[in-house]
């Protein structure tokens, strides 16, 4: 969905006659820069390899936000004792205990109510299990995004449109902005100010 509606154009410095293709193109460029399909609340699934002895992980898409009538952004969390990487077993016999009481590689459901999370930072903290050791791989399904598109994203969208309209090569032939042109001119359309507005929504550890 486009991040600016016709009723928003005057509030963000765009002429009322601005056509929808400019807004659609700017929205697509924002999504590409943020490395996500949409900034609205969307469901994601990540498999994350954990560091030895770690109980925390950081998710890629922010901010964490529940979808619809849900009260938590965490849909499901599963953990397992994956085959250890080189050097992880040395001096760490508790892995032998974990493997003795569960099949290696078997996923175990973690109660999402026992997982602490930071909505803005995307950090999850898992409870310690029965044996006092942490999983070394997680599969997390969660929802993240903006329930309401804020002024920062709307202003960035409007600024991209103004930058595109001010670029002579884009105005030379037609007012329509196609994907190829947006990709080619992305470095100039996404100026430093626009990047600053969008920085909180850029996915980490992805792409």
C-alpha atoms as a PDB file:
ATOM      1  CA  UNK A   1       0.000   0.000   0.000  1.00  0.00           C
ATOM      2  CA  UNK A   2       1.287   3.480  -0.892  1.00  0.00           C
ATOM      3  CA  UNK A   3       2.557   5.487   2.069  1.00  0.00           C
ATOM      4  CA  UNK A   4       0.852   8.696   0.935  1.00  0.00           C
ATOM      5  CA  UNK A   5      -2.801   9.115   0.021  1.00  0.00           C
ATOM      6  CA  UNK A   6      -4.163  11.978  -2.114  1.00  0.00           C
ATOM      7  CA  UNK A   7      -5.521  13.703   0.990  1.00  0.00           C
ATOM      8  CA  UNK A   8      -1.958  13.796   2.377  1.00  0.00           C
ATOM      9  CA  UNK A   9      -0.372  15.564  -0.603  1.00  0.00           C
ATOM     10  CA  UNK A  10      -0.948  19.204   0.515  1.00  0.00           C
ATOM     11  CA  UNK A  11       0.260  18.431   4.064  1.00  0.00           C
ATOM     12  CA  UNK A  12       3.595  17.123   2.753  1.00  0.00           C
ATOM     13  CA  UNK A  13       4.286  19.705   0.110  1.00  0.00           C
ATOM     14  CA  UNK A  14       3.097  17.859  -2.986  1.00  0.00           C
ATOM     15  CA  UNK A  15       0.746  19.317  -5.608  1.00  0.00           C
ATOM     16  CA  UNK A  16      -2.786  17.950  -5.454  1.00  0.00           C
ATOM     17  CA  UNK A  17      -2.392  16.907  -9.111  1.00  0.00           C
ATOM     18  CA  UNK A  18       0.447  14.474  -8.292  1.00  0.00           C
ATOM     19  CA  UNK A  19      -0.336  11.167  -9.965  1.00  0.00           C
ATOM     20  CA  UNK A  20      -0.369   7.864  -8.107  1.00  0.00           C
ATOM     21  CA  UNK A  21       2.549   6.394 -10.068  1.00  0.00           C
ATOM     22  CA  UNK A  22       4.970   8.827  -8.385  1.00  0.00           C
ATOM     23  CA  UNK A  23       3.793   7.719  -4.937  1.00  0.00           C
ATOM     24  CA  UNK A  24       3.839   4.037  -5.896  1.00  0.00           C
ATOM     25  CA  UNK A  25       7.387   4.381  -7.182  1.00  0.00           C
ATOM     26  CA  UNK A  26       8.552   6.204  -4.042  1.00  0.00           C
ATOM     27  CA  UNK A  27       6.897   3.566  -1.838  1.00  0.00           C
ATOM     28  CA  UNK A  28       8.663   0.771  -3.732  1.00  0.00           C
ATOM     29  CA  UNK A  29      11.984   2.560  -3.351  1.00  0.00           C
ATOM     30  CA  UNK A  30      11.456   2.925   0.411  1.00  0.00           C
ATOM     31  CA  UNK A  31      10.669  -0.798   0.738  1.00  0.00           C
ATOM     32  CA  UNK A  32      13.757  -1.699  -1.283  1.00  0.00           C
ATOM     33  CA  UNK A  33      15.999   0.539   0.817  1.00  0.00           C
ATOM     34  CA  UNK A  34      14.561  -0.870   4.055  1.00  0.00           C
ATOM     35  CA  UNK A  35      15.013  -4.426   2.699  1.00  0.00           C
ATOM     36  CA  UNK A  36      11.476  -5.507   3.489  1.00  0.00           C
ATOM     37  CA  UNK A  37       8.258  -6.122   1.596  1.00  0.00           C
ATOM     38  CA  UNK A  38       6.262  -3.512   3.483  1.00  0.00           C
ATOM     39  CA  UNK A  39       6.553  -1.160   6.457  1.00  0.00           C
ATOM     40  CA  UNK A  40       3.046  -2.040   7.607  1.00  0.00           C
ATOM     41  CA  UNK A  41       2.743  -4.827  10.201  1.00  0.00           C
ATOM     42  CA  UNK A  42       3.798  -8.075   8.498  1.00  0.00           C
ATOM     43  CA  UNK A  43       4.588 -11.604   9.692  1.00  0.00           C
ATOM     44  CA  UNK A  44       8.190 -12.824   9.419  1.00  0.00           C
ATOM     45  CA  UNK A  45       9.969 -16.089  10.230  1.00  0.00           C
ATOM     46  CA  UNK A  46      13.682 -16.177  11.007  1.00  0.00           C
ATOM     47  CA  UNK A  47      16.070 -18.997  11.803  1.00  0.00           C
ATOM     48  CA  UNK A  48      18.855 -17.704  13.988  1.00  0.00           C
ATOM     49  CA  UNK A  49      22.067 -19.431  15.025  1.00  0.00           C
ATOM     50  CA  UNK A  50      22.900 -18.478  18.617  1.00  0.00           C
ATOM     51  CA  UNK A  51      26.319 -17.914  20.081  1.00  0.00           C
ATOM     52  CA  UNK A  52      27.587 -20.333  22.693  1.00  0.00           C
ATOM     53  CA  UNK A  53      26.088 -19.705  26.166  1.00  0.00           C
ATOM     54  CA  UNK A  54      23.896 -16.906  24.774  1.00  0.00           C
ATOM     55  CA  UNK A  55      20.290 -16.447  25.839  1.00  0.00           C
ATOM     56  CA  UNK A  56      19.562 -13.398  23.704  1.00  0.00           C
ATOM     57  CA  UNK A  57      19.095 -12.844  19.983  1.00  0.00           C
ATOM     58  CA  UNK A  58      18.184  -9.809  17.911  1.00  0.00           C
ATOM     59  CA  UNK A  59      15.503  -9.971  15.241  1.00  0.00           C
ATOM     60  CA  UNK A  60      15.949  -8.312  11.872  1.00  0.00           C
ATOM     61  CA  UNK A  61      12.694  -6.424  11.344  1.00  0.00           C
ATOM     62  CA  UNK A  62      11.642  -3.594  13.642  1.00  0.00           C
ATOM     63  CA  UNK A  63       9.681  -2.392  15.469  1.00  0.00           C
ATOM     64  CA  UNK A  64       8.009  -5.498  16.861  1.00  0.00           C
ATOM     65  CA  UNK A  65       4.251  -4.982  16.835  1.00  0.00           C
ATOM     66  CA  UNK A  66       1.224  -7.275  17.265  1.00  0.00           C
ATOM     67  CA  UNK A  67      -1.038  -7.865  14.276  1.00  0.00           C
ATOM     68  CA  UNK A  68      -4.786  -7.385  14.461  1.00  0.00           C
ATOM     69  CA  UNK A  69      -6.303  -8.519  17.751  1.00  0.00           C
ATOM     70  CA  UNK A  70      -3.105 -10.214  18.955  1.00  0.00           C
ATOM     71  CA  UNK A  71      -1.536  -8.890  22.145  1.00  0.00           C
ATOM     72  CA  UNK A  72       2.036 -10.014  21.449  1.00  0.00           C
ATOM     73  CA  UNK A  73       4.245  -9.762  18.354  1.00  0.00           C
ATOM     74  CA  UNK A  74       5.642 -13.249  19.065  1.00  0.00           C
ATOM     75  CA  UNK A  75       3.647 -15.863  17.184  1.00  0.00           C
ATOM     76  CA  UNK A  76       5.843 -18.883  17.921  1.00  0.00           C
ATOM     77  CA  UNK A  77       9.360 -19.634  19.145  1.00  0.00           C
ATOM     78  CA  UNK A  78      11.142 -22.950  18.684  1.00  0.00           C
ATOM     79  CA  UNK A  79      14.615 -23.951  19.779  1.00  0.00           C
ATOM     80  CA  UNK A  80      16.902 -26.884  19.179  1.00  0.00           C
ATOM     81  CA  UNK A  81      20.359 -28.199  19.901  1.00  0.00           C
ATOM     82  CA  UNK A  82      21.749 -28.161  16.405  1.00  0.00           C
ATOM     83  CA  UNK A  83      24.999 -29.928  15.642  1.00  0.00           C
ATOM     84  CA  UNK A  84      27.657 -27.835  17.396  1.00  0.00           C
ATOM     85  CA  UNK A  85      30.109 -25.832  15.361  1.00  0.00           C
ATOM     86  CA  UNK A  86      33.811 -26.547  15.518  1.00  0.00           C
ATOM     87  CA  UNK A  87      35.187 -25.978  19.012  1.00  0.00           C
ATOM     88  CA  UNK A  88      31.837 -25.667  20.772  1.00  0.00           C
ATOM     89  CA  UNK A  89      31.954 -29.099  22.443  1.00  0.00           C
ATOM     90  CA  UNK A  90      35.438 -28.690  23.834  1.00  0.00           C
ATOM     91  CA  UNK A  91      35.219 -28.095  27.563  1.00  0.00           C
ATOM     92  CA  UNK A  92      31.421 -27.952  27.406  1.00  0.00           C
ATOM     93  CA  UNK A  93      30.053 -31.351  28.537  1.00  0.00           C
ATOM     94  CA  UNK A  94      26.514 -30.044  29.104  1.00  0.00           C
ATOM     95  CA  UNK A  95      25.880 -30.471  25.387  1.00  0.00           C
ATOM     96  CA  UNK A  96      26.269 -34.222  25.970  1.00  0.00           C
ATOM     97  CA  UNK A  97      23.443 -34.038  28.518  1.00  0.00           C
ATOM     98  CA  UNK A  98      21.222 -32.137  26.085  1.00  0.00           C
ATOM     99  CA  UNK A  99      21.804 -34.699  23.385  1.00  0.00           C
ATOM    100  CA  UNK A 100      21.162 -37.582  25.801  1.00  0.00           C
ATOM    101  CA  UNK A 101      17.635 -36.368  26.630  1.00  0.00           C
ATOM    102  CA  UNK A 102      16.503 -35.206  23.190  1.00  0.00           C
ATOM    103  CA  UNK A 103      17.055 -36.179  19.608  1.00  0.00           C
ATOM    104  CA  UNK A 104      19.805 -34.090  18.011  1.00  0.00           C
ATOM    105  CA  UNK A 105      18.268 -31.448  15.805  1.00  0.00           C
ATOM    106  CA  UNK A 106      14.736 -31.847  17.190  1.00  0.00           C
ATOM    107  CA  UNK A 107      12.776 -28.589  17.463  1.00  0.00           C
ATOM    108  CA  UNK A 108      11.211 -27.853  20.849  1.00  0.00           C
ATOM    109  CA  UNK A 109       8.415 -25.321  21.313  1.00  0.00           C
ATOM    110  CA  UNK A 110       9.191 -22.464  23.693  1.00  0.00           C
ATOM    111  CA  UNK A 111       6.297 -20.805  25.509  1.00  0.00           C
ATOM    112  CA  UNK A 112       6.207 -17.269  24.048  1.00  0.00           C
ATOM    113  CA  UNK A 113       4.905 -15.945  27.377  1.00  0.00           C
ATOM    114  CA  UNK A 114       8.262 -16.822  28.955  1.00  0.00           C
ATOM    115  CA  UNK A 115      10.270 -14.924  26.338  1.00  0.00           C
ATOM    116  CA  UNK A 116      11.148 -11.332  27.157  1.00  0.00           C
ATOM    117  CA  UNK A 117      11.410  -8.927  24.220  1.00  0.00           C
ATOM    118  CA  UNK A 118      12.241  -5.311  23.469  1.00  0.00           C
ATOM    119  CA  UNK A 119       9.788  -3.996  20.814  1.00  0.00           C
ATOM    120  CA  UNK A 120      12.086  -1.219  19.579  1.00  0.00           C
ATOM    121  CA  UNK A 121      15.434  -2.998  19.758  1.00  0.00           C
ATOM    122  CA  UNK A 122      14.105  -6.403  18.672  1.00  0.00           C
ATOM    123  CA  UNK A 123      16.087  -8.275  21.327  1.00  0.00           C
ATOM    124  CA  UNK A 124      14.650 -11.545  22.648  1.00  0.00           C
ATOM    125  CA  UNK A 125      15.763 -13.058  25.952  1.00  0.00           C
ATOM    126  CA  UNK A 126      14.951 -16.739  26.419  1.00  0.00           C
ATOM    127  CA  UNK A 127      14.474 -18.465  29.779  1.00  0.00           C
ATOM    128  CA  UNK A 128      17.101 -20.960  30.917  1.00  0.00           C
ATOM    129  CA  UNK A 129      15.984 -24.549  30.395  1.00  0.00           C
ATOM    130  CA  UNK A 130      16.018 -27.532  32.750  1.00  0.00           C
ATOM    131  CA  UNK A 131      19.701 -28.315  32.216  1.00  0.00           C
ATOM    132  CA  UNK A 132      20.884 -24.714  32.543  1.00  0.00           C
ATOM    133  CA  UNK A 133      22.025 -24.454  28.931  1.00  0.00           C
ATOM    134  CA  UNK A 134      20.715 -22.477  26.007  1.00  0.00           C
ATOM    135  CA  UNK A 135      19.583 -23.626  22.592  1.00  0.00           C
ATOM    136  CA  UNK A 136      22.059 -22.963  19.840  1.00  0.00           C
ATOM    137  CA  UNK A 137      19.473 -22.402  17.097  1.00  0.00           C
ATOM    138  CA  UNK A 138      16.075 -20.696  17.093  1.00  0.00           C
ATOM    139  CA  UNK A 139      13.156 -20.410  14.719  1.00  0.00           C
ATOM    140  CA  UNK A 140      11.069 -17.339  15.513  1.00  0.00           C
ATOM    141  CA  UNK A 141       7.805 -16.318  13.863  1.00  0.00           C
ATOM    142  CA  UNK A 142       6.814 -12.779  14.743  1.00  0.00           C
ATOM    143  CA  UNK A 143       5.069  -9.677  13.471  1.00  0.00           C
ATOM    144  CA  UNK A 144       6.763  -6.335  12.957  1.00  0.00           C
ATOM    145  CA  UNK A 145       6.075  -3.022  11.290  1.00  0.00           C
ATOM    146  CA  UNK A 146       4.065   0.142  11.738  1.00  0.00           C
ATOM    147  CA  UNK A 147       0.398  -0.064  12.686  1.00  0.00           C
ATOM    148  CA  UNK A 148       0.136   3.551  11.531  1.00  0.00           C
ATOM    149  CA  UNK A 149       2.483   5.062   8.951  1.00  0.00           C
ATOM    150  CA  UNK A 150       4.114   7.996  10.721  1.00  0.00           C
ATOM    151  CA  UNK A 151       5.171  11.453   9.606  1.00  0.00           C
ATOM    152  CA  UNK A 152       8.782  10.346   9.113  1.00  0.00           C
ATOM    153  CA  UNK A 153       7.861   7.763   6.460  1.00  0.00           C
ATOM    154  CA  UNK A 154       5.294  10.026   4.808  1.00  0.00           C
ATOM    155  CA  UNK A 155       7.768  12.907   4.690  1.00  0.00           C
ATOM    156  CA  UNK A 156      10.431  10.602   3.234  1.00  0.00           C
ATOM    157  CA  UNK A 157       7.982   9.431   0.573  1.00  0.00           C
ATOM    158  CA  UNK A 158       7.109  13.006  -0.379  1.00  0.00           C
ATOM    159  CA  UNK A 159      10.779  14.000  -0.489  1.00  0.00           C
ATOM    160  CA  UNK A 160      11.620  11.115  -2.822  1.00  0.00           C
ATOM    161  CA  UNK A 161       8.852  12.263  -5.162  1.00  0.00           C
ATOM    162  CA  UNK A 162      10.181  15.835  -5.106  1.00  0.00           C
ATOM    163  CA  UNK A 163      13.723  14.571  -5.759  1.00  0.00           C
ATOM    164  CA  UNK A 164      12.463  12.481  -8.684  1.00  0.00           C
ATOM    165  CA  UNK A 165      10.481  15.347 -10.169  1.00  0.00           C
ATOM    166  CA  UNK A 166      13.526  17.612  -9.879  1.00  0.00           C
ATOM    167  CA  UNK A 167      15.755  15.142 -11.736  1.00  0.00           C
ATOM    168  CA  UNK A 168      15.907  16.274 -15.384  1.00  0.00           C
ATOM    169  CA  UNK A 169      16.375  12.785 -16.812  1.00  0.00           C
ATOM    170  CA  UNK A 170      13.160  11.644 -15.149  1.00  0.00           C
ATOM    171  CA  UNK A 171      11.169  14.634 -16.418  1.00  0.00           C
ATOM    172  CA  UNK A 172      12.527  14.556 -19.953  1.00  0.00           C
ATOM    173  CA  UNK A 173      10.254  11.961 -21.500  1.00  0.00           C
ATOM    174  CA  UNK A 174       7.275  11.264 -19.265  1.00  0.00           C
ATOM    175  CA  UNK A 175       5.924  11.885 -15.784  1.00  0.00           C
ATOM    176  CA  UNK A 176       5.699   8.145 -15.081  1.00  0.00           C
ATOM    177  CA  UNK A 177       8.473   6.702 -12.930  1.00  0.00           C
ATOM    178  CA  UNK A 178       9.170   3.072 -13.760  1.00  0.00           C
ATOM    179  CA  UNK A 179      11.186   0.537 -11.800  1.00  0.00           C
ATOM    180  CA  UNK A 180      14.268   0.760 -13.992  1.00  0.00           C
ATOM    181  CA  UNK A 181      14.505   4.528 -13.611  1.00  0.00           C
ATOM    182  CA  UNK A 182      13.964   4.356  -9.860  1.00  0.00           C
ATOM    183  CA  UNK A 183      16.701   1.768  -9.506  1.00  0.00           C
ATOM    184  CA  UNK A 184      19.123   3.741 -11.646  1.00  0.00           C
ATOM    185  CA  UNK A 185      18.558   7.036  -9.843  1.00  0.00           C
ATOM    186  CA  UNK A 186      18.105   5.581  -6.343  1.00  0.00           C
ATOM    187  CA  UNK A 187      21.383   7.037  -5.081  1.00  0.00           C
ATOM    188  CA  UNK A 188      20.242  10.580  -5.849  1.00  0.00           C
ATOM    189  CA  UNK A 189      16.566  10.143  -4.918  1.00  0.00           C
ATOM    190  CA  UNK A 190      17.428   8.748  -1.489  1.00  0.00           C
ATOM    191  CA  UNK A 191      19.388  11.689  -0.116  1.00  0.00           C
ATOM    192  CA  UNK A 192      20.950  11.760   3.344  1.00  0.00           C
ATOM    193  CA  UNK A 193      17.869  13.343   4.916  1.00  0.00           C
ATOM    194  CA  UNK A 194      15.579  10.630   3.555  1.00  0.00           C
ATOM    195  CA  UNK A 195      17.958   7.920   4.771  1.00  0.00           C
ATOM    196  CA  UNK A 196      17.963   9.485   8.239  1.00  0.00           C
ATOM    197  CA  UNK A 197      14.161   9.341   8.390  1.00  0.00           C
ATOM    198  CA  UNK A 198      14.108   5.702   7.263  1.00  0.00           C
ATOM    199  CA  UNK A 199      17.046   4.444   9.325  1.00  0.00           C
ATOM    200  CA  UNK A 200      14.918   2.956  12.175  1.00  0.00           C
ATOM    201  CA  UNK A 201      13.101   0.703   9.697  1.00  0.00           C
ATOM    202  CA  UNK A 202      16.040  -0.739   7.733  1.00  0.00           C
ATOM    203  CA  UNK A 203      16.209  -4.489   8.316  1.00  0.00           C
ATOM    204  CA  UNK A 204      19.415  -5.766   9.902  1.00  0.00           C
ATOM    205  CA  UNK A 205      21.222  -9.025   9.050  1.00  0.00           C
ATOM    206  CA  UNK A 206      19.223  -9.338   5.836  1.00  0.00           C
ATOM    207  CA  UNK A 207      20.481  -9.045   2.245  1.00  0.00           C
END
